[in-house]
């Protein structure tokens, strides 16, 4: 029935709408406040309240939560939203109310008491809209968790819709804090690698010109499922006679070199020296590489062939905007966190034919966690003795791991980190009809699955027999461009150094501007958000300690040009 414009809880009336009881006739205000009173109140929490209706309990909720927390009310029904706007008059900056409607198909199904077939994708789009809204209203890292509060029965109209919003908000918050922890641990290394790699830009190739045309592409990770087809790939050793292209992750290079299989492109994202073991037998092999701007600088040149730079924005820094303005920032890659996911993204982006993945498993078992001849597998062989078994027990049964079924139905082990990557894979690529994943010991990735003995029927399709090449002109960046940029950066931090050292008079506004521009000096500080602009002496001392190593690094980059 039509929703009345006003309702009094004292009259003992219930409220129904679209076949659902939204408000109980027994003291709905008191029930809402009872729910709020039972809350375990925590700091920096975003309380998500679906369908607030007349806003019963909201003022009590805002009084009870911590000052660092906030309340976000969302409504999926336009009629309910309009009525709620007339009833809720809250000016608290910690409160926001938004209309987030599902599609017309979803709304029609909800009114009929059914769930539409595409409700998952619909809810996901709405949830992404709410994530963008939250990021606009409140500062990044304002919240550490999401708490869903149902103060009435309005949530029953779109339960999956509201749950999806809550789940994606939680994932968004978790991702931000994960990236923050990575920044604290590796941020200094990332920016140092970026500075070193600037000197390599003039000799790099243009990634935007990579083109695999209609050729089928095999994307190889180093998981155990790659073993199912590696031997057969050996029949196609000569690249110019192979009817399909191969994009591999860096940890696949040793196993491909051992079998004489030359990939068309190797993808390298790792920033740490531990990654050098991926090139044990591959130095000067002549394989083209795609390297992230923050990767270990040796990665670009160690294989002795053309290299392409991409840029994964691991955080927001002012130096990136200056690089872009100077024409030095490479093509941006989606920050997926996994080299296997990036390899798949490149295959889909730089070709139009089918893409088959193997070795992207996000799981392991007692016998193996990587394919044969990969660096990890070789290390286990070398260290095998009476004290160190070839079995992967320590890794397979460490704290936090758990059991799942693989695509083939066998038991495999995984952990929360791998599951996050698996879920991200499905979110990014699951609906792409061009993508096929080999069946075997890995987890189901939400894409088309193809049996190992059918892989080459797809990869050998003759429809893509023409134009099988990777092209790429030299990037039009001169050494002079890089020299000008580096010189400008040296000038910025030299001025900061002189101010902090007392060599020039203190101008607080100028210093704050310079520190904001040179945010890479302090962005890896755990407490930088609280310190910057607060004129805290310890903060300035720590910045001063960062300056000399960076000046030396900029000077070395300048000399190498």
Protein backbone atom coordinates (compact mmCIF):
# COMPACT_ATOMS: atom_id res chain seq x y z
CA UNK A 1 0.00 0.00 0.00
CA UNK A 2 1.02 3.64 -0.35
CA UNK A 3 3.30 4.86 2.43
CA UNK A 4 1.56 7.45 4.65
CA UNK A 5 3.32 10.77 5.02
CA UNK A 6 3.35 10.77 8.81
CA UNK A 7 3.21 8.15 11.51
CA UNK A 8 3.04 8.34 15.28
CA UNK A 9 4.71 5.60 17.28
CA UNK A 10 2.37 6.39 20.17
CA UNK A 11 -0.74 5.39 18.26
CA UNK A 12 0.42 1.79 18.18
CA UNK A 13 0.37 1.51 14.37
CA UNK A 14 2.60 -0.73 12.26
CA UNK A 15 3.99 0.46 8.93
CA UNK A 16 3.95 -1.74 5.81
CA UNK A 17 5.33 -1.04 2.35
CA UNK A 18 5.69 -3.36 -0.66
CA UNK A 19 4.59 -6.31 1.42
CA UNK A 20 7.17 -5.73 4.18
CA UNK A 21 6.61 -4.47 7.73
CA UNK A 22 9.04 -1.58 8.07
CA UNK A 23 8.12 -0.28 11.52
CA UNK A 24 6.70 -2.24 14.39
CA UNK A 25 3.57 -0.98 16.13
CA UNK A 26 5.28 -1.56 19.49
CA UNK A 27 7.44 1.49 20.27
CA UNK A 28 9.72 1.68 17.16
CA UNK A 29 11.67 4.57 18.69
CA UNK A 30 12.42 2.60 21.84
CA UNK A 31 13.42 -0.46 19.79
CA UNK A 32 15.87 1.61 17.72
CA UNK A 33 17.41 3.14 20.84
CA UNK A 34 17.71 -0.30 22.45
CA UNK A 35 19.68 -1.52 19.41
CA UNK A 36 21.96 1.52 19.67
CA UNK A 37 22.48 1.05 23.39
CA UNK A 38 23.72 -2.50 22.80
CA UNK A 39 26.41 -1.36 20.37
CA UNK A 40 30.04 -2.06 21.13
CA UNK A 41 31.21 1.49 20.43
CA UNK A 42 34.66 1.76 18.84
CA UNK A 43 36.75 4.61 17.51
CA UNK A 44 37.04 5.46 13.78
CA UNK A 45 34.00 3.44 12.76
CA UNK A 46 31.62 4.24 9.91
CA UNK A 47 28.13 3.18 10.96
CA UNK A 48 26.09 2.24 7.90
CA UNK A 49 22.35 2.61 8.48
CA UNK A 50 20.17 1.26 5.63
CA UNK A 51 16.75 2.84 5.05
CA UNK A 52 16.50 5.17 8.07
CA UNK A 53 12.80 5.95 7.37
CA UNK A 54 11.82 8.63 9.93
CA UNK A 55 15.27 8.65 11.50
CA UNK A 56 14.24 7.04 14.76
CA UNK A 57 17.32 6.60 16.96
CA UNK A 58 19.76 8.57 14.78
CA UNK A 59 20.23 11.43 17.25
CA UNK A 60 20.86 8.90 20.01
CA UNK A 61 23.34 7.09 17.75
CA UNK A 62 25.29 10.27 17.04
CA UNK A 63 25.40 11.09 20.75
CA UNK A 64 26.70 7.63 21.64
CA UNK A 65 29.37 6.99 19.00
CA UNK A 66 32.94 8.25 19.29
CA UNK A 67 33.76 11.68 17.88
CA UNK A 68 36.10 10.03 15.35
CA UNK A 69 33.24 7.94 13.95
CA UNK A 70 30.40 8.85 11.58
CA UNK A 71 26.97 7.71 10.41
CA UNK A 72 26.10 7.08 6.77
CA UNK A 73 22.43 6.47 5.99
CA UNK A 74 21.59 5.01 2.57
CA UNK A 75 18.19 4.54 0.95
CA UNK A 76 17.48 2.50 -2.15
CA UNK A 77 13.84 3.57 -2.61
CA UNK A 78 13.21 7.06 -3.99
CA UNK A 79 9.78 7.32 -2.34
CA UNK A 80 11.18 6.43 1.08
CA UNK A 81 14.12 8.77 0.52
CA UNK A 82 11.89 11.78 -0.18
CA UNK A 83 9.83 11.15 2.95
CA UNK A 84 12.96 10.58 5.09
CA UNK A 85 14.41 13.90 3.92
CA UNK A 86 11.39 15.70 5.35
CA UNK A 87 11.73 13.92 8.69
CA UNK A 88 15.50 13.92 9.21
CA UNK A 89 17.03 17.32 9.93
CA UNK A 90 20.58 16.65 11.06
CA UNK A 91 23.40 19.18 10.65
CA UNK A 92 26.07 17.09 12.38
CA UNK A 93 29.16 16.88 10.09
CA UNK A 94 29.50 13.25 11.12
CA UNK A 95 26.18 12.44 9.42
CA UNK A 96 25.32 11.99 5.76
CA UNK A 97 22.24 10.64 3.98
CA UNK A 98 22.36 9.40 0.38
CA UNK A 99 20.01 7.88 -2.17
CA UNK A 100 21.64 4.88 -3.84
CA UNK A 101 19.12 3.26 -6.14
CA UNK A 102 19.45 -0.16 -7.77
CA UNK A 103 18.55 -0.51 -11.45
CA UNK A 104 14.95 -0.46 -12.62
CA UNK A 105 15.11 -4.24 -13.10
CA UNK A 106 16.25 -4.73 -9.54
CA UNK A 107 13.61 -2.37 -8.19
CA UNK A 108 10.85 -4.14 -10.08
CA UNK A 109 11.98 -7.53 -8.85
CA UNK A 110 12.13 -6.26 -5.27
CA UNK A 111 8.57 -4.99 -5.43
CA UNK A 112 7.51 -8.41 -6.69
CA UNK A 113 9.39 -10.13 -3.89
CA UNK A 114 12.05 -11.59 -6.21
CA UNK A 115 15.80 -11.13 -6.65
CA UNK A 116 16.88 -10.20 -10.21
CA UNK A 117 19.43 -12.36 -12.00
CA UNK A 118 21.87 -9.46 -12.25
CA UNK A 119 21.44 -8.25 -8.66
CA UNK A 120 25.10 -8.94 -7.88
CA UNK A 121 26.43 -6.62 -10.57
CA UNK A 122 23.74 -4.03 -9.82
CA UNK A 123 24.58 -4.02 -6.12
CA UNK A 124 28.29 -3.81 -6.93
CA UNK A 125 27.78 -0.69 -9.05
CA UNK A 126 25.75 0.94 -6.28
CA UNK A 127 28.36 -0.01 -3.69
CA UNK A 128 31.13 1.53 -5.78
CA UNK A 129 29.05 4.71 -5.97
CA UNK A 130 28.84 4.79 -2.17
CA UNK A 131 32.61 4.21 -1.85
CA UNK A 132 33.25 7.23 -4.06
CA UNK A 133 30.81 9.25 -1.98
CA UNK A 134 32.50 8.32 1.31
CA UNK A 135 35.90 9.23 -0.10
CA UNK A 136 34.60 12.67 -1.07
CA UNK A 137 32.89 13.43 2.24
CA UNK A 138 35.47 12.18 4.71
CA UNK A 139 39.25 12.22 4.58
CA UNK A 140 41.16 9.14 3.55
CA UNK A 141 41.91 6.80 6.47
CA UNK A 142 39.15 8.38 8.57
CA UNK A 143 37.73 4.94 9.35
CA UNK A 144 39.10 1.55 10.27
CA UNK A 145 35.91 -0.52 10.09
CA UNK A 146 32.28 -0.60 8.94
CA UNK A 147 29.37 -1.39 11.26
CA UNK A 148 25.96 -2.16 9.74
CA UNK A 149 23.04 -1.03 11.96
CA UNK A 150 19.45 -2.00 11.14
CA UNK A 151 17.27 0.37 13.17
CA UNK A 152 14.00 -0.73 11.53
CA UNK A 153 12.70 -3.14 8.90
CA UNK A 154 13.41 -0.94 5.87
CA UNK A 155 16.52 -2.93 4.98
CA UNK A 156 14.32 -5.92 4.07
CA UNK A 157 13.32 -4.33 0.76
CA UNK A 158 16.87 -4.56 -0.65
CA UNK A 159 18.93 -6.80 1.66
CA UNK A 160 21.57 -7.83 -0.94
CA UNK A 161 21.87 -4.25 -2.10
CA UNK A 162 22.71 -3.01 1.39
CA UNK A 163 24.98 -5.96 2.20
CA UNK A 164 26.95 -5.35 -0.98
CA UNK A 165 27.41 -1.70 -0.03
CA UNK A 166 28.66 -2.72 3.40
CA UNK A 167 31.03 -5.39 2.01
CA UNK A 168 32.59 -3.12 -0.60
CA UNK A 169 33.00 -0.28 1.88
CA UNK A 170 34.81 -2.66 4.21
CA UNK A 171 37.02 -3.90 1.38
CA UNK A 172 37.78 -0.33 0.37
CA UNK A 173 38.80 0.57 3.92
CA UNK A 174 40.87 -2.62 4.28
CA UNK A 175 42.63 -1.93 0.97
CA UNK A 176 43.49 1.61 2.02
CA UNK A 177 45.00 0.45 5.29
CA UNK A 178 46.83 -2.42 3.60
CA UNK A 179 48.33 0.06 1.15
CA UNK A 180 49.27 2.30 4.08
CA UNK A 181 51.16 -0.54 5.75
CA UNK A 182 52.91 -1.33 2.48
CA UNK A 183 53.80 2.34 2.15
CA UNK A 184 55.30 2.37 5.64
CA UNK A 185 57.40 -0.72 4.94
CA UNK A 186 58.30 -0.20 1.27
CA UNK A 187 57.41 3.40 0.38
CA UNK A 188 60.99 4.63 0.68
CA UNK A 189 62.22 1.80 -1.54
CA UNK A 190 59.49 2.44 -4.15
CA UNK A 191 60.37 6.10 -4.54
CA UNK A 192 64.11 5.42 -4.59
CA UNK A 193 63.63 2.88 -7.38
CA UNK A 194 61.46 5.39 -9.23
CA UNK A 195 64.19 8.01 -9.05
CA UNK A 196 66.82 5.56 -10.29
CA UNK A 197 64.60 4.40 -13.15
CA UNK A 198 64.19 7.94 -14.48
CA UNK A 199 67.61 7.66 -16.08
CA UNK A 200 66.38 4.63 -18.06
CA UNK A 201 63.33 6.37 -19.55
CA UNK A 202 65.10 7.82 -22.64
CA UNK A 203 66.03 4.30 -23.82
CA UNK A 204 62.65 2.70 -23.07
CA UNK A 205 59.94 1.77 -25.58
CA UNK A 206 56.39 3.06 -25.80
CA UNK A 207 54.05 0.62 -24.04
CA UNK A 208 51.00 2.11 -25.76
CA UNK A 209 52.27 0.70 -29.06
CA UNK A 210 52.36 -2.91 -27.87
CA UNK A 211 50.12 -4.91 -30.16
CA UNK A 212 49.37 -8.63 -30.28
CA UNK A 213 46.48 -8.13 -32.73
CA UNK A 214 44.14 -11.16 -32.87
CA UNK A 215 46.73 -13.69 -31.78
CA UNK A 216 45.72 -16.02 -28.94
CA UNK A 217 47.74 -15.20 -25.82
CA UNK A 218 48.93 -17.57 -23.12
CA UNK A 219 49.51 -15.84 -19.79
CA UNK A 220 51.82 -17.88 -17.56
CA UNK A 221 52.12 -17.62 -13.81
CA UNK A 222 54.43 -19.82 -11.77
CA UNK A 223 51.74 -21.82 -9.96
CA UNK A 224 51.61 -25.65 -10.13
CA UNK A 225 48.96 -25.70 -12.87
CA UNK A 226 51.52 -24.36 -15.36
CA UNK A 227 53.22 -27.80 -15.24
CA UNK A 228 50.22 -29.29 -17.04
CA UNK A 229 51.13 -27.62 -20.34
CA UNK A 230 54.80 -26.57 -20.12
CA UNK A 231 56.15 -29.68 -21.82
CA UNK A 232 53.80 -29.26 -24.75
CA UNK A 233 54.71 -25.58 -25.11
CA UNK A 234 58.26 -26.81 -25.73
CA UNK A 235 57.07 -27.98 -29.16
CA UNK A 236 56.69 -24.29 -30.05
CA UNK A 237 60.14 -23.06 -29.11
CA UNK A 238 60.65 -20.68 -32.03
CA UNK A 239 58.66 -17.52 -31.45
CA UNK A 240 58.25 -16.70 -35.13
CA UNK A 241 56.63 -20.09 -35.80
CA UNK A 242 54.38 -20.13 -32.78
CA UNK A 243 50.70 -19.36 -33.56
CA UNK A 244 50.16 -17.78 -30.14
CA UNK A 245 51.91 -15.26 -27.93
CA UNK A 246 53.25 -15.82 -24.41
CA UNK A 247 53.20 -13.24 -21.61
CA UNK A 248 54.85 -14.51 -18.45
CA UNK A 249 55.49 -13.24 -14.95
CA UNK A 250 59.11 -12.82 -13.87
CA UNK A 251 59.17 -15.98 -11.73
CA UNK A 252 58.44 -18.02 -14.88
CA UNK A 253 61.65 -17.02 -16.66
CA UNK A 254 63.86 -19.77 -15.21
CA UNK A 255 61.44 -22.57 -16.03
CA UNK A 256 60.87 -21.26 -19.56
CA UNK A 257 64.60 -20.83 -20.22
CA UNK A 258 65.25 -24.38 -19.05
CA UNK A 259 62.75 -25.67 -21.63
CA UNK A 260 63.94 -23.36 -24.41
CA UNK A 261 60.64 -21.46 -24.56
CA UNK A 262 61.08 -17.76 -25.29
CA UNK A 263 58.18 -15.61 -24.09
CA UNK A 264 57.08 -12.57 -26.05
CA UNK A 265 56.90 -10.39 -22.95
CA UNK A 266 57.96 -10.75 -19.30
CA UNK A 267 56.15 -8.65 -16.69
CA UNK A 268 58.23 -7.44 -13.73
CA UNK A 269 56.82 -5.45 -10.81
CA UNK A 270 59.00 -6.47 -7.85
CA UNK A 271 61.01 -3.72 -6.15
CA UNK A 272 63.25 -5.82 -3.90
CA UNK A 273 66.58 -7.52 -4.57
CA UNK A 274 65.13 -10.91 -3.68
CA UNK A 275 63.60 -10.86 -7.16
CA UNK A 276 67.03 -11.28 -8.76
CA UNK A 277 66.69 -15.04 -8.32
CA UNK A 278 64.03 -14.90 -11.05
CA UNK A 279 66.85 -14.18 -13.54
CA UNK A 280 69.27 -16.94 -12.45
CA UNK A 281 69.81 -18.39 -15.92
CA UNK A 282 68.23 -15.64 -18.01
CA UNK A 283 70.74 -12.77 -18.05
CA UNK A 284 70.96 -11.19 -21.52
CA UNK A 285 68.41 -13.69 -22.85
CA UNK A 286 66.91 -11.08 -25.17
CA UNK A 287 63.32 -11.20 -23.89
CA UNK A 288 61.24 -8.01 -23.98
CA UNK A 289 60.14 -6.79 -20.56
CA UNK A 290 57.47 -4.59 -19.11
CA UNK A 291 58.75 -3.05 -15.89
CA UNK A 292 57.00 -0.95 -13.28
CA UNK A 293 58.54 2.46 -12.61
CA UNK A 294 59.07 1.44 -8.96
CA UNK A 295 60.68 -1.90 -9.81
CA UNK A 296 64.28 -2.79 -9.07
CA UNK A 297 66.20 -0.80 -11.75
CA UNK A 298 68.27 -3.81 -12.85
CA UNK A 299 65.03 -5.53 -13.92
CA UNK A 300 64.70 -3.33 -17.00
CA UNK A 301 68.06 -4.18 -18.51
CA UNK A 302 69.04 -7.60 -17.17
CA UNK A 303 67.35 -9.54 -19.99
CA UNK A 304 69.19 -7.48 -22.61
CA UNK A 305 66.27 -6.49 -24.85
CA UNK A 306 63.67 -3.74 -25.30
CA UNK A 307 61.94 -2.68 -22.14
CA UNK A 308 58.69 -0.84 -21.53
CA UNK A 309 57.80 1.15 -18.44
CA UNK A 310 54.40 1.23 -16.81
CA UNK A 311 53.39 3.12 -13.72
CA UNK A 312 51.44 1.57 -10.83
CA UNK A 313 50.23 4.37 -8.52
CA UNK A 314 51.00 2.77 -5.15
CA UNK A 315 50.05 6.02 -3.38
CA UNK A 316 49.28 9.65 -4.14
CA UNK A 317 52.40 11.84 -4.28
CA UNK A 318 52.94 15.32 -5.71
CA UNK A 319 56.05 14.15 -7.55
CA UNK A 320 53.86 12.01 -9.81
CA UNK A 321 51.93 15.09 -10.92
CA UNK A 322 55.19 16.84 -11.71
CA UNK A 323 56.41 13.81 -13.67
CA UNK A 324 53.18 13.83 -15.63
CA UNK A 325 53.42 17.57 -16.31
CA UNK A 326 56.98 17.06 -17.55
CA UNK A 327 55.89 14.25 -19.90
CA UNK A 328 57.92 11.66 -18.01
CA UNK A 329 55.20 9.56 -16.36
CA UNK A 330 54.64 6.21 -18.15
CA UNK A 331 51.23 4.76 -18.97
CA UNK A 332 49.32 4.04 -15.76
CA UNK A 333 48.67 0.40 -14.87
CA UNK A 334 45.79 -0.64 -12.62
CA UNK A 335 47.16 -1.17 -9.08
CA UNK A 336 46.17 -4.84 -8.74
CA UNK A 337 48.93 -5.86 -6.33
CA UNK A 338 49.77 -9.08 -8.19
CA UNK A 339 52.06 -9.50 -11.17
CA UNK A 340 49.81 -12.29 -12.48
CA UNK A 341 46.78 -10.01 -12.53
CA UNK A 342 48.77 -7.29 -14.26
CA UNK A 343 49.92 -9.78 -16.92
CA UNK A 344 46.29 -10.70 -17.61
CA UNK A 345 45.33 -7.03 -17.81
CA UNK A 346 48.07 -6.42 -20.40
CA UNK A 347 47.03 -9.45 -22.47
CA UNK A 348 43.44 -8.22 -22.63
CA UNK A 349 44.53 -4.65 -23.34
CA UNK A 350 47.12 -5.26 -26.06
CA UNK A 351 45.36 -8.02 -27.98
CA UNK A 352 41.88 -8.80 -29.25
CA UNK A 353 42.07 -12.61 -29.39
CA UNK A 354 41.38 -15.26 -26.73
CA UNK A 355 43.51 -15.26 -23.58
CA UNK A 356 44.35 -18.47 -21.72
CA UNK A 357 45.87 -18.37 -18.23
CA UNK A 358 47.90 -21.10 -16.52
CA UNK A 359 49.83 -21.07 -13.26
CA UNK A 360 47.66 -18.34 -11.71
CA UNK A 361 46.39 -20.58 -8.93
CA UNK A 362 46.25 -18.59 -5.66
CA UNK A 363 46.66 -21.90 -3.85
CA UNK A 364 49.19 -24.62 -3.10
CA UNK A 365 49.37 -28.12 -1.70
CA UNK A 366 51.68 -30.26 0.36
CA UNK A 367 53.72 -31.30 -2.66
CA UNK A 368 54.23 -27.94 -4.32
CA UNK A 369 53.44 -24.26 -4.26
CA UNK A 370 55.20 -23.35 -7.52
CA UNK A 371 55.78 -25.04 -10.86
CA UNK A 372 58.87 -27.11 -11.53
CA UNK A 373 62.11 -25.17 -12.15
CA UNK A 374 60.71 -21.95 -10.72
CA UNK A 375 63.08 -20.15 -8.30
CA UNK A 376 61.18 -21.36 -5.23
CA UNK A 377 61.13 -24.96 -6.48
CA UNK A 378 64.84 -24.87 -7.31
CA UNK A 379 65.57 -23.48 -3.84
CA UNK A 380 63.73 -26.40 -2.22
CA UNK A 381 65.73 -28.85 -4.32
CA UNK A 382 69.03 -27.22 -3.40
CA UNK A 383 68.19 -27.16 0.31
CA UNK A 384 66.80 -30.69 0.42
CA UNK A 385 68.56 -32.75 3.09
CA UNK A 386 67.72 -34.79 6.17
CA UNK A 387 66.54 -31.61 7.91
CA UNK A 388 64.66 -29.97 5.02
CA UNK A 389 62.02 -31.95 3.19
CA UNK A 390 60.81 -31.36 -0.35
CA UNK A 391 57.31 -31.32 1.05
CA UNK A 392 55.72 -27.91 1.49
CA UNK A 393 54.31 -28.60 4.96
CA UNK A 394 55.55 -25.42 6.67
CA UNK A 395 53.89 -23.23 4.09
CA UNK A 396 50.77 -25.35 3.56
CA UNK A 397 49.86 -25.56 7.25
CA UNK A 398 51.12 -22.28 8.65
CA UNK A 399 48.79 -20.17 10.78
CA UNK A 400 45.96 -18.59 8.80
CA UNK A 401 45.86 -21.11 5.96
CA UNK A 402 42.78 -23.16 5.24
CA UNK A 403 41.42 -25.79 2.85
CA UNK A 404 39.33 -25.29 -0.30
CA UNK A 405 38.40 -27.30 -3.38
CA UNK A 406 40.32 -26.66 -6.58
CA UNK A 407 38.86 -26.47 -10.08
CA UNK A 408 39.52 -30.21 -10.44
CA UNK A 409 37.76 -30.95 -7.15
CA UNK A 410 40.91 -31.81 -5.22
CA UNK A 411 41.83 -30.30 -1.86
CA UNK A 412 44.22 -27.34 -1.92
CA UNK A 413 45.45 -24.85 0.66
CA UNK A 414 45.17 -21.08 0.52
CA UNK A 415 45.30 -18.06 2.83
CA UNK A 416 43.51 -14.69 3.19
CA UNK A 417 46.03 -12.80 1.06
CA UNK A 418 45.73 -15.23 -1.85
CA UNK A 419 41.96 -15.26 -1.52
CA UNK A 420 41.91 -11.47 -1.74
CA UNK A 421 43.83 -11.69 -5.02
CA UNK A 422 41.52 -14.43 -6.28
CA UNK A 423 38.47 -12.30 -5.47
CA UNK A 424 40.07 -9.27 -7.10
CA UNK A 425 40.78 -11.38 -10.18
CA UNK A 426 37.12 -12.36 -10.45
CA UNK A 427 35.95 -8.78 -9.85
CA UNK A 428 38.25 -7.42 -12.55
CA UNK A 429 38.06 -10.14 -15.21
CA UNK A 430 35.30 -12.61 -14.31
CA UNK A 431 32.81 -11.33 -16.90
CA UNK A 432 35.28 -11.20 -19.82
CA UNK A 433 34.30 -13.77 -22.50
CA UNK A 434 37.80 -13.71 -24.04
CA UNK A 435 39.41 -15.12 -20.91
CA UNK A 436 39.94 -18.85 -20.21
CA UNK A 437 41.67 -20.45 -17.25
CA UNK A 438 43.23 -23.89 -17.38
CA UNK A 439 41.59 -26.52 -15.18
CA UNK A 440 43.80 -28.14 -12.56
CA UNK A 441 45.03 -27.59 -9.03
CA UNK A 442 44.25 -23.87 -8.81
CA UNK A 443 41.20 -22.13 -7.37
CA UNK A 444 38.24 -21.32 -9.59
CA UNK A 445 38.70 -17.72 -10.77
CA UNK A 446 35.19 -16.96 -11.92
CA UNK A 447 36.12 -17.14 -15.62
CA UNK A 448 35.72 -19.72 -18.39
CA UNK A 449 37.62 -22.92 -17.58
CA UNK A 450 39.32 -25.02 -20.24
CA UNK A 451 40.74 -28.54 -19.90
CA UNK A 452 44.52 -28.89 -20.23
CA UNK A 453 44.22 -31.19 -23.26
CA UNK A 454 42.04 -28.59 -25.03
CA UNK A 455 44.26 -25.57 -24.43
CA UNK A 456 46.23 -25.88 -27.64
CA UNK A 457 43.11 -26.36 -29.76
CA UNK A 458 42.28 -22.80 -28.73
CA UNK A 459 45.83 -21.43 -28.87
CA UNK A 460 46.48 -22.86 -32.35
CA UNK A 461 43.53 -21.17 -34.01
CA UNK A 462 44.53 -20.06 -37.49
CA UNK A 463 42.28 -16.99 -37.42
CA UNK A 464 45.14 -15.00 -35.95
CA UNK A 465 47.88 -16.14 -38.28
CA UNK A 466 48.62 -12.61 -39.51
CA UNK A 467 50.31 -9.76 -37.72
CA UNK A 468 51.82 -11.68 -34.84
CA UNK A 469 54.32 -9.26 -33.42
CA UNK A 470 55.09 -6.95 -30.57
CA UNK A 471 55.88 -3.45 -31.72
CA UNK A 472 57.03 -0.41 -29.85
CA UNK A 473 58.85 2.71 -30.90
CA UNK A 474 61.39 4.38 -28.70
CA UNK A 475 59.79 6.68 -26.15
CA UNK A 476 60.19 10.28 -27.22
CA UNK A 477 61.93 11.39 -24.04
CA UNK A 478 65.28 13.11 -24.21
CA UNK A 479 67.98 12.98 -21.59
CA UNK A 480 67.69 16.74 -21.38
CA UNK A 481 64.06 16.45 -20.23
CA UNK A 482 65.06 14.14 -17.41
CA UNK A 483 68.02 16.35 -16.47
CA UNK A 484 65.73 19.39 -16.19
CA UNK A 485 63.31 17.47 -14.00
CA UNK A 486 66.01 16.08 -11.71
CA UNK A 487 67.62 19.51 -11.37
CA UNK A 488 64.26 20.95 -10.30
CA UNK A 489 63.79 18.25 -7.66
CA UNK A 490 67.27 18.86 -6.29
CA UNK A 491 66.40 22.55 -5.99
CA UNK A 492 63.26 21.78 -3.96
CA UNK A 493 64.91 19.62 -1.33
CA UNK A 494 68.01 21.82 -1.18
CA UNK A 495 65.78 24.73 -0.23
CA UNK A 496 64.11 22.58 2.46
CA UNK A 497 67.56 21.60 3.72
CA UNK A 498 68.70 25.22 3.94
CA UNK A 499 65.56 26.28 5.83
CA UNK A 500 65.77 23.40 8.32
CA UNK A 501 69.50 23.97 8.77
CA UNK A 502 69.03 27.68 9.46
CA UNK A 503 71.01 28.79 6.41
CA UNK A 504 68.10 30.91 5.18
CA UNK A 505 65.38 32.64 7.26
CA UNK A 506 62.39 30.55 8.25
CA UNK A 507 59.25 31.21 6.23
CA UNK A 508 56.66 28.80 7.61
CA UNK A 509 54.27 29.12 4.68
CA UNK A 510 57.09 28.53 2.20
CA UNK A 511 58.38 25.57 4.19
CA UNK A 512 54.94 23.97 4.34
CA UNK A 513 54.59 24.42 0.57
CA UNK A 514 57.99 22.84 -0.09
CA UNK A 515 57.28 19.92 2.25
CA UNK A 516 53.97 19.37 0.52
CA UNK A 517 55.73 19.27 -2.87
CA UNK A 518 58.44 16.94 -1.57
CA UNK A 519 55.97 14.61 0.17
CA UNK A 520 58.05 11.56 -0.83
CA UNK A 521 60.47 12.59 1.93
CA UNK A 522 57.93 11.83 4.64
CA UNK A 523 54.99 9.87 3.15
CA UNK A 524 56.38 6.63 4.60
CA UNK A 525 56.35 7.99 8.16
CA UNK A 526 53.76 6.01 10.17
CA UNK A 527 52.34 9.18 11.72
CA UNK A 528 52.79 11.57 8.80
CA UNK A 529 49.10 12.54 8.62
CA UNK A 530 49.18 13.80 12.15
CA UNK A 531 52.56 15.51 11.86
CA UNK A 532 52.58 17.39 8.58
CA UNK A 533 51.63 21.01 9.10
CA UNK A 534 51.67 20.61 12.87
CA UNK A 535 55.15 22.15 13.09
CA UNK A 536 56.31 19.29 15.22
CA UNK A 537 60.05 19.44 15.88
CA UNK A 538 60.53 15.65 15.72
CA UNK A 539 58.84 15.59 12.32
CA UNK A 540 61.21 18.24 10.94
CA UNK A 541 64.20 16.38 12.36
CA UNK A 542 63.15 13.17 10.65
CA UNK A 543 62.63 15.01 7.36
CA UNK A 544 66.09 16.52 7.70
CA UNK A 545 67.57 13.03 8.09
CA UNK A 546 65.88 11.91 4.86
CA UNK A 547 67.27 14.76 2.78
CA UNK A 548 70.93 13.72 2.44
CA UNK A 549 70.26 10.18 1.11
CA UNK A 550 67.78 11.58 -1.42
CA UNK A 551 70.13 14.33 -2.51
CA UNK A 552 72.81 11.72 -3.11
CA UNK A 553 70.33 9.61 -5.07
CA UNK A 554 69.22 12.53 -7.26
CA UNK A 555 72.87 13.39 -7.89
CA UNK A 556 73.66 9.80 -8.96
CA UNK A 557 70.68 9.86 -11.32
CA UNK A 558 71.89 13.13 -12.81
CA UNK A 559 75.37 11.72 -13.41
CA UNK A 560 74.00 8.60 -15.12
CA UNK A 561 72.19 10.63 -17.79
